[in-house]
N, C-alpha and C. Protein backbone atom coordinates (compact mmCIF):
# COMPACT_ATOMS: atom_id res chain seq x y z
N UNK A 1 13.36 -27.58 -31.86
CA UNK A 1 13.89 -27.04 -30.63
C UNK A 1 13.08 -25.81 -30.24
N UNK A 2 12.59 -25.75 -29.01
CA UNK A 2 11.78 -24.62 -28.57
C UNK A 2 12.67 -23.58 -27.91
N UNK A 3 12.23 -22.34 -28.02
CA UNK A 3 12.99 -21.26 -27.41
C UNK A 3 12.48 -21.07 -25.98
N UNK A 4 13.36 -20.73 -25.04
CA UNK A 4 12.92 -20.53 -23.65
C UNK A 4 12.09 -19.26 -23.55
N UNK A 5 11.17 -19.20 -22.58
CA UNK A 5 10.37 -17.99 -22.41
C UNK A 5 11.26 -16.80 -22.05
N UNK A 6 10.76 -15.65 -22.36
CA UNK A 6 11.52 -14.44 -22.08
C UNK A 6 11.72 -14.25 -20.58
N UNK A 7 12.78 -13.57 -20.22
CA UNK A 7 13.08 -13.34 -18.80
C UNK A 7 12.00 -12.50 -18.14
N UNK A 8 11.41 -11.56 -18.91
CA UNK A 8 10.34 -10.72 -18.34
C UNK A 8 9.15 -11.56 -17.94
N UNK A 9 8.79 -12.52 -18.75
CA UNK A 9 7.64 -13.37 -18.45
C UNK A 9 7.89 -14.18 -17.18
N UNK A 10 9.09 -14.71 -17.05
CA UNK A 10 9.42 -15.47 -15.85
C UNK A 10 9.43 -14.58 -14.61
N UNK A 11 9.96 -13.38 -14.75
CA UNK A 11 10.01 -12.44 -13.63
C UNK A 11 8.60 -12.06 -13.19
N UNK A 12 7.70 -11.81 -14.15
CA UNK A 12 6.32 -11.48 -13.81
C UNK A 12 5.63 -12.64 -13.13
N UNK A 13 5.89 -13.85 -13.59
CA UNK A 13 5.27 -15.02 -12.98
C UNK A 13 5.75 -15.20 -11.54
N UNK A 14 7.05 -14.99 -11.29
CA UNK A 14 7.56 -15.09 -9.93
C UNK A 14 6.97 -14.01 -9.04
N UNK A 15 6.84 -12.79 -9.59
CA UNK A 15 6.28 -11.67 -8.83
C UNK A 15 4.83 -11.96 -8.46
N UNK A 16 4.04 -12.46 -9.40
CA UNK A 16 2.65 -12.81 -9.10
C UNK A 16 2.57 -13.92 -8.06
N UNK A 17 3.48 -14.88 -8.15
CA UNK A 17 3.48 -15.97 -7.17
C UNK A 17 3.79 -15.44 -5.77
N UNK A 18 4.73 -14.50 -5.67
CA UNK A 18 5.05 -13.91 -4.37
C UNK A 18 3.87 -13.12 -3.83
N UNK A 19 3.22 -12.33 -4.70
CA UNK A 19 2.05 -11.58 -4.26
C UNK A 19 0.94 -12.50 -3.80
N UNK A 20 0.74 -13.59 -4.53
CA UNK A 20 -0.30 -14.54 -4.17
C UNK A 20 0.02 -15.19 -2.83
N UNK A 21 1.31 -15.44 -2.56
CA UNK A 21 1.70 -16.05 -1.29
C UNK A 21 1.49 -15.09 -0.13
N UNK A 22 1.70 -13.78 -0.37
CA UNK A 22 1.50 -12.79 0.68
C UNK A 22 0.03 -12.55 0.96
N UNK A 23 -0.79 -12.61 -0.05
CA UNK A 23 -2.21 -12.34 0.12
C UNK A 23 -2.91 -13.59 0.64
N UNK A 24 -4.12 -13.38 1.11
CA UNK A 24 -4.91 -14.53 1.54
C UNK A 24 -5.39 -15.27 0.31
N UNK A 25 -5.49 -16.56 0.42
CA UNK A 25 -5.92 -17.38 -0.70
C UNK A 25 -7.40 -17.11 -1.00
N UNK A 26 -7.79 -17.04 -2.28
CA UNK A 26 -9.20 -16.86 -2.60
C UNK A 26 -9.99 -18.10 -2.22
N UNK A 27 -11.24 -17.87 -1.90
CA UNK A 27 -12.13 -18.95 -1.48
C UNK A 27 -12.67 -19.69 -2.70
N UNK A 28 -12.66 -21.00 -2.66
CA UNK A 28 -13.21 -21.79 -3.76
C UNK A 28 -14.66 -22.11 -3.45
N UNK A 29 -15.54 -21.78 -4.38
CA UNK A 29 -16.97 -22.00 -4.21
C UNK A 29 -17.35 -23.41 -4.64
N UNK A 30 -18.56 -23.85 -4.28
CA UNK A 30 -19.02 -25.18 -4.66
C UNK A 30 -19.16 -25.33 -6.18
N UNK A 31 -19.39 -24.21 -6.88
CA UNK A 31 -19.52 -24.25 -8.33
C UNK A 31 -18.19 -24.44 -9.04
N UNK A 32 -17.07 -24.33 -8.32
CA UNK A 32 -15.76 -24.45 -8.92
C UNK A 32 -15.12 -23.11 -9.19
N UNK A 33 -15.87 -22.02 -9.04
CA UNK A 33 -15.33 -20.68 -9.22
C UNK A 33 -14.58 -20.25 -7.96
N UNK A 34 -13.84 -19.15 -8.09
CA UNK A 34 -13.10 -18.61 -6.97
C UNK A 34 -13.65 -17.24 -6.62
N UNK A 35 -13.67 -16.93 -5.31
CA UNK A 35 -14.20 -15.65 -4.83
C UNK A 35 -13.14 -14.99 -3.95
N UNK A 36 -12.97 -13.68 -4.14
CA UNK A 36 -12.01 -12.93 -3.34
C UNK A 36 -12.57 -11.53 -3.12
N UNK A 37 -12.18 -10.89 -2.03
CA UNK A 37 -12.64 -9.53 -1.71
C UNK A 37 -11.50 -8.54 -1.90
N UNK A 38 -11.85 -7.34 -2.36
CA UNK A 38 -10.88 -6.26 -2.53
C UNK A 38 -10.39 -5.83 -1.14
N UNK A 39 -9.08 -5.63 -0.98
CA UNK A 39 -8.52 -5.25 0.31
C UNK A 39 -8.90 -3.83 0.69
N UNK A 40 -9.17 -2.95 -0.29
CA UNK A 40 -9.47 -1.56 0.00
C UNK A 40 -10.95 -1.31 0.28
N UNK A 41 -11.83 -1.81 -0.60
CA UNK A 41 -13.25 -1.48 -0.46
C UNK A 41 -14.12 -2.66 -0.05
N UNK A 42 -13.61 -3.89 -0.12
CA UNK A 42 -14.37 -5.05 0.28
C UNK A 42 -15.27 -5.62 -0.80
N UNK A 43 -15.20 -5.10 -2.03
CA UNK A 43 -16.04 -5.60 -3.12
C UNK A 43 -15.62 -7.02 -3.49
N UNK A 44 -16.61 -7.90 -3.68
CA UNK A 44 -16.33 -9.29 -4.03
C UNK A 44 -16.13 -9.44 -5.52
N UNK A 45 -15.16 -10.27 -5.90
CA UNK A 45 -14.91 -10.61 -7.30
C UNK A 45 -14.99 -12.12 -7.42
N UNK A 46 -15.63 -12.60 -8.49
CA UNK A 46 -15.77 -14.02 -8.73
C UNK A 46 -15.22 -14.31 -10.12
N UNK A 47 -14.39 -15.35 -10.24
CA UNK A 47 -13.79 -15.72 -11.52
C UNK A 47 -13.68 -17.24 -11.60
N UNK A 48 -13.43 -17.72 -12.82
CA UNK A 48 -13.34 -19.17 -13.05
C UNK A 48 -12.07 -19.78 -12.49
N UNK A 49 -10.97 -19.03 -12.51
CA UNK A 49 -9.71 -19.57 -12.02
C UNK A 49 -8.99 -18.51 -11.20
N UNK A 50 -7.93 -18.93 -10.51
CA UNK A 50 -7.15 -18.00 -9.70
C UNK A 50 -6.44 -17.00 -10.61
N UNK A 51 -5.99 -17.44 -11.79
CA UNK A 51 -5.32 -16.54 -12.73
C UNK A 51 -6.28 -15.45 -13.22
N UNK A 52 -7.54 -15.84 -13.50
CA UNK A 52 -8.53 -14.84 -13.92
C UNK A 52 -8.84 -13.87 -12.78
N UNK A 53 -8.84 -14.39 -11.56
CA UNK A 53 -9.12 -13.54 -10.40
C UNK A 53 -7.97 -12.55 -10.19
N UNK A 54 -6.73 -12.98 -10.43
CA UNK A 54 -5.59 -12.06 -10.33
C UNK A 54 -5.66 -10.98 -11.39
N UNK A 55 -6.18 -11.32 -12.58
CA UNK A 55 -6.27 -10.35 -13.67
C UNK A 55 -7.40 -9.36 -13.49
N UNK A 56 -8.44 -9.73 -12.72
CA UNK A 56 -9.57 -8.82 -12.50
C UNK A 56 -9.15 -7.72 -11.54
N UNK A 57 -9.52 -6.49 -11.86
CA UNK A 57 -9.18 -5.36 -11.00
C UNK A 57 -10.44 -4.72 -10.49
N UNK A 58 -10.43 -4.31 -9.26
CA UNK A 58 -11.57 -3.62 -8.66
C UNK A 58 -11.64 -2.20 -9.23
N UNK A 59 -12.85 -1.67 -9.34
CA UNK A 59 -13.03 -0.34 -9.90
C UNK A 59 -12.93 0.76 -8.85
N UNK A 60 -12.65 0.40 -7.60
CA UNK A 60 -12.56 1.42 -6.57
C UNK A 60 -11.30 2.27 -6.76
N UNK A 61 -11.39 3.55 -6.43
CA UNK A 61 -10.19 4.38 -6.57
C UNK A 61 -9.15 3.97 -5.54
N UNK A 62 -7.89 4.06 -5.88
CA UNK A 62 -6.87 3.67 -4.90
C UNK A 62 -6.89 4.61 -3.71
N UNK A 63 -6.77 4.04 -2.53
CA UNK A 63 -6.76 4.86 -1.33
C UNK A 63 -5.34 5.22 -0.97
N UNK A 64 -5.19 6.39 -0.46
CA UNK A 64 -3.87 6.83 -0.01
C UNK A 64 -3.76 6.47 1.46
N UNK A 65 -2.77 5.67 1.78
CA UNK A 65 -2.60 5.27 3.17
C UNK A 65 -1.13 5.22 3.51
N UNK A 66 -0.86 5.29 4.80
CA UNK A 66 0.49 5.17 5.32
C UNK A 66 0.41 4.27 6.55
N UNK A 67 1.54 3.89 7.04
CA UNK A 67 1.58 3.02 8.20
C UNK A 67 2.38 3.71 9.30
N UNK A 68 1.86 3.63 10.52
CA UNK A 68 2.53 4.22 11.66
C UNK A 68 3.09 3.11 12.54
N UNK A 69 4.37 3.18 12.83
CA UNK A 69 5.02 2.21 13.70
C UNK A 69 5.27 2.88 15.04
N UNK A 70 4.76 2.27 16.09
CA UNK A 70 4.93 2.83 17.42
C UNK A 70 6.21 2.28 18.02
N UNK A 71 7.08 3.17 18.49
CA UNK A 71 8.28 2.77 19.21
C UNK A 71 7.99 2.90 20.69
N UNK A 72 8.16 1.81 21.43
CA UNK A 72 7.86 1.81 22.85
C UNK A 72 9.11 1.43 23.64
N UNK A 73 9.10 1.79 24.91
CA UNK A 73 10.24 1.55 25.78
C UNK A 73 10.34 0.06 26.09
N UNK A 74 11.57 -0.46 26.09
CA UNK A 74 11.77 -1.89 26.36
C UNK A 74 11.67 -2.21 27.86
N UNK A 75 11.80 -1.20 28.73
CA UNK A 75 11.74 -1.45 30.17
C UNK A 75 10.35 -1.22 30.75
N UNK A 76 9.75 -0.06 30.45
CA UNK A 76 8.46 0.26 31.06
C UNK A 76 7.30 0.16 30.07
N UNK A 77 7.58 -0.13 28.80
CA UNK A 77 6.60 -0.30 27.71
C UNK A 77 5.70 0.91 27.49
N UNK A 78 6.18 2.09 27.81
CA UNK A 78 5.46 3.32 27.48
C UNK A 78 5.78 3.71 26.04
N UNK A 79 4.83 4.34 25.34
CA UNK A 79 5.14 4.80 23.98
C UNK A 79 6.18 5.92 24.01
N UNK A 80 7.19 5.80 23.16
CA UNK A 80 8.24 6.81 23.09
C UNK A 80 7.97 7.76 21.93
N UNK A 81 7.71 7.21 20.73
CA UNK A 81 7.38 8.03 19.57
C UNK A 81 6.72 7.17 18.51
N UNK A 82 6.26 7.81 17.44
CA UNK A 82 5.63 7.12 16.33
C UNK A 82 6.34 7.53 15.05
N UNK A 83 6.59 6.54 14.17
CA UNK A 83 7.31 6.77 12.93
C UNK A 83 6.40 6.39 11.77
N UNK A 84 6.36 7.22 10.72
CA UNK A 84 5.57 6.94 9.53
C UNK A 84 6.43 6.19 8.53
N UNK A 85 5.92 5.03 8.05
CA UNK A 85 6.65 4.20 7.10
C UNK A 85 5.75 3.91 5.90
N UNK A 86 6.32 3.60 4.72
CA UNK A 86 5.50 3.39 3.52
C UNK A 86 4.81 2.03 3.45
N UNK A 87 5.39 0.99 4.04
CA UNK A 87 4.80 -0.35 3.97
C UNK A 87 4.72 -0.94 5.37
N UNK A 88 3.82 -1.89 5.60
CA UNK A 88 3.66 -2.42 6.96
C UNK A 88 4.83 -3.27 7.44
N UNK A 89 5.62 -3.80 6.53
CA UNK A 89 6.72 -4.68 6.94
C UNK A 89 8.07 -3.98 6.97
N UNK A 90 8.07 -2.66 6.90
CA UNK A 90 9.31 -1.90 6.94
C UNK A 90 9.91 -1.97 8.35
N UNK A 91 11.18 -2.28 8.41
CA UNK A 91 11.87 -2.28 9.69
C UNK A 91 12.40 -0.89 9.97
N UNK A 92 12.25 -0.44 11.20
CA UNK A 92 12.74 0.87 11.60
C UNK A 92 14.13 0.67 12.20
N UNK A 93 15.12 1.32 11.58
CA UNK A 93 16.50 1.22 12.05
C UNK A 93 16.87 2.56 12.67
N UNK A 94 17.27 2.53 13.94
CA UNK A 94 17.67 3.74 14.65
C UNK A 94 19.19 3.78 14.73
N UNK A 95 19.78 4.86 14.27
CA UNK A 95 21.23 4.99 14.32
C UNK A 95 21.71 5.36 15.72
N UNK A 96 20.86 5.99 16.48
CA UNK A 96 21.14 6.28 17.88
C UNK A 96 19.97 5.78 18.70
N UNK A 97 20.21 5.23 19.86
CA UNK A 97 19.08 4.76 20.67
C UNK A 97 18.24 5.93 21.17
N UNK A 98 16.93 5.79 21.07
CA UNK A 98 16.03 6.80 21.59
C UNK A 98 15.72 6.47 23.04
N UNK A 99 16.07 7.35 23.97
CA UNK A 99 15.79 7.04 25.38
C UNK A 99 14.34 7.36 25.74
N UNK A 100 13.82 6.58 26.66
CA UNK A 100 12.48 6.83 27.20
C UNK A 100 12.57 8.04 28.12
N UNK A 101 11.56 8.88 28.11
CA UNK A 101 11.56 10.07 28.96
C UNK A 101 11.37 9.76 30.42
N UNK A 102 10.78 8.61 30.75
CA UNK A 102 10.49 8.28 32.14
C UNK A 102 11.60 7.47 32.80
N UNK A 103 12.12 6.44 32.11
CA UNK A 103 13.08 5.53 32.77
C UNK A 103 14.40 5.41 32.03
N UNK A 104 14.60 6.13 30.93
CA UNK A 104 15.81 6.07 30.10
C UNK A 104 16.05 4.71 29.48
N UNK A 105 14.99 3.93 29.28
CA UNK A 105 15.10 2.66 28.58
C UNK A 105 15.24 2.89 27.08
N UNK A 106 15.55 1.85 26.33
CA UNK A 106 15.76 1.95 24.89
C UNK A 106 14.44 1.68 24.17
N UNK A 107 14.17 2.46 23.11
CA UNK A 107 12.94 2.29 22.33
C UNK A 107 13.09 1.12 21.37
N UNK A 108 12.05 0.28 21.30
CA UNK A 108 12.02 -0.85 20.37
C UNK A 108 10.76 -0.74 19.53
N UNK A 109 10.77 -1.41 18.39
CA UNK A 109 9.64 -1.36 17.46
C UNK A 109 8.46 -2.11 18.04
N UNK A 110 7.28 -1.47 17.97
CA UNK A 110 6.07 -2.06 18.50
C UNK A 110 5.05 -2.33 17.42
N UNK A 111 3.80 -1.95 17.65
CA UNK A 111 2.70 -2.23 16.73
C UNK A 111 2.75 -1.34 15.50
N UNK A 112 2.19 -1.87 14.40
CA UNK A 112 2.07 -1.12 13.15
C UNK A 112 0.59 -0.89 12.89
N UNK A 113 0.21 0.35 12.57
CA UNK A 113 -1.17 0.71 12.34
C UNK A 113 -1.30 1.37 10.98
N UNK A 114 -2.35 1.01 10.24
CA UNK A 114 -2.62 1.63 8.93
C UNK A 114 -3.54 2.81 9.13
N UNK A 115 -3.18 3.95 8.56
CA UNK A 115 -4.01 5.15 8.63
C UNK A 115 -4.25 5.67 7.23
N UNK A 116 -5.42 6.25 7.01
CA UNK A 116 -5.73 6.86 5.72
C UNK A 116 -5.23 8.29 5.70
N UNK A 117 -4.63 8.65 4.59
CA UNK A 117 -4.16 10.02 4.41
C UNK A 117 -5.27 10.82 3.76
N UNK A 118 -5.40 12.09 4.12
CA UNK A 118 -6.44 12.91 3.48
C UNK A 118 -6.11 13.13 2.00
N UNK A 119 -7.16 13.24 1.21
CA UNK A 119 -6.98 13.51 -0.22
C UNK A 119 -6.39 14.90 -0.40
N UNK A 120 -5.46 15.08 -1.33
CA UNK A 120 -4.88 16.41 -1.52
C UNK A 120 -5.92 17.38 -2.08
N UNK A 121 -5.82 18.60 -1.64
CA UNK A 121 -6.74 19.63 -2.13
C UNK A 121 -6.38 19.98 -3.56
N UNK A 122 -7.39 20.20 -4.41
CA UNK A 122 -7.06 20.60 -5.78
C UNK A 122 -6.43 21.99 -5.78
N UNK A 123 -5.56 22.20 -6.74
CA UNK A 123 -4.87 23.49 -6.84
C UNK A 123 -5.89 24.57 -7.18
N UNK A 124 -5.74 25.70 -6.53
CA UNK A 124 -6.65 26.82 -6.79
C UNK A 124 -6.34 27.41 -8.16
N UNK A 125 -7.38 27.79 -8.89
CA UNK A 125 -7.11 28.44 -10.18
C UNK A 125 -6.47 29.81 -9.96
N UNK A 126 -5.66 30.20 -10.91
CA UNK A 126 -5.02 31.51 -10.81
C UNK A 126 -6.04 32.60 -10.96
N UNK A 127 -5.85 33.66 -10.21
CA UNK A 127 -6.77 34.79 -10.31
C UNK A 127 -6.29 35.75 -11.38
N UNK A 128 -7.24 36.49 -11.95
CA UNK A 128 -6.89 37.52 -12.92
C UNK A 128 -7.00 37.04 -14.35
N UNK A 129 -6.63 37.91 -15.22
CA UNK A 129 -6.73 37.65 -16.65
C UNK A 129 -5.59 36.75 -17.10
N UNK A 130 -5.88 35.76 -17.97
CA UNK A 130 -4.79 34.89 -18.44
C UNK A 130 -3.84 35.65 -19.35
N UNK A 131 -2.60 35.21 -19.47
CA UNK A 131 -1.64 35.88 -20.35
C UNK A 131 -2.10 35.84 -21.81
N UNK A 132 -1.62 36.77 -22.59
CA UNK A 132 -2.03 36.89 -24.00
C UNK A 132 -1.68 35.66 -24.81
N UNK A 133 -0.60 34.95 -24.49
CA UNK A 133 -0.22 33.78 -25.26
C UNK A 133 -1.19 32.63 -25.05
N UNK A 134 -1.95 32.65 -23.96
CA UNK A 134 -2.91 31.58 -23.71
C UNK A 134 -4.32 31.93 -24.22
N UNK A 135 -4.55 33.18 -24.55
CA UNK A 135 -5.86 33.57 -25.02
C UNK A 135 -6.01 33.24 -26.50
N UNK A 136 -7.25 32.96 -26.89
CA UNK A 136 -7.52 32.68 -28.31
C UNK A 136 -7.46 33.97 -29.11
N UNK A 137 -6.98 33.91 -30.35
CA UNK A 137 -6.93 35.13 -31.17
C UNK A 137 -8.34 35.62 -31.47
N UNK A 138 -8.50 36.93 -31.54
CA UNK A 138 -9.81 37.52 -31.82
C UNK A 138 -10.22 37.21 -33.27
N UNK A 139 -11.49 36.97 -33.48
CA UNK A 139 -11.97 36.61 -34.82
C UNK A 139 -12.19 37.79 -35.70
């Protein structure tokens, strides 16, 4: 009698299947290998199977990005405001209707745009002499 696979293994397999369904399918080459491009930097990866291609990771540093959702008027289609969201498929729920400044129409969700966030500045070193507890003992 065989034991069933662990729940974690099944969960990971379902998660990978969902990610694969959301992403574009890798291209199959004439040699039988699969080719796919990194979404961030565009670097090509080639592997023998789709599973190997999923396991391969690009060496590019992760980019910091956010998504901007434009809310536009439903009557005159003028932009009303822009909302920053973490993922491109996030729905914007308004608890109160946002009126348009020109025609008092209701704002509805419009286009989503990806923008790069600037890299955070490194923390400045502290000025002055370090505390005695951090200094090395004199020899």
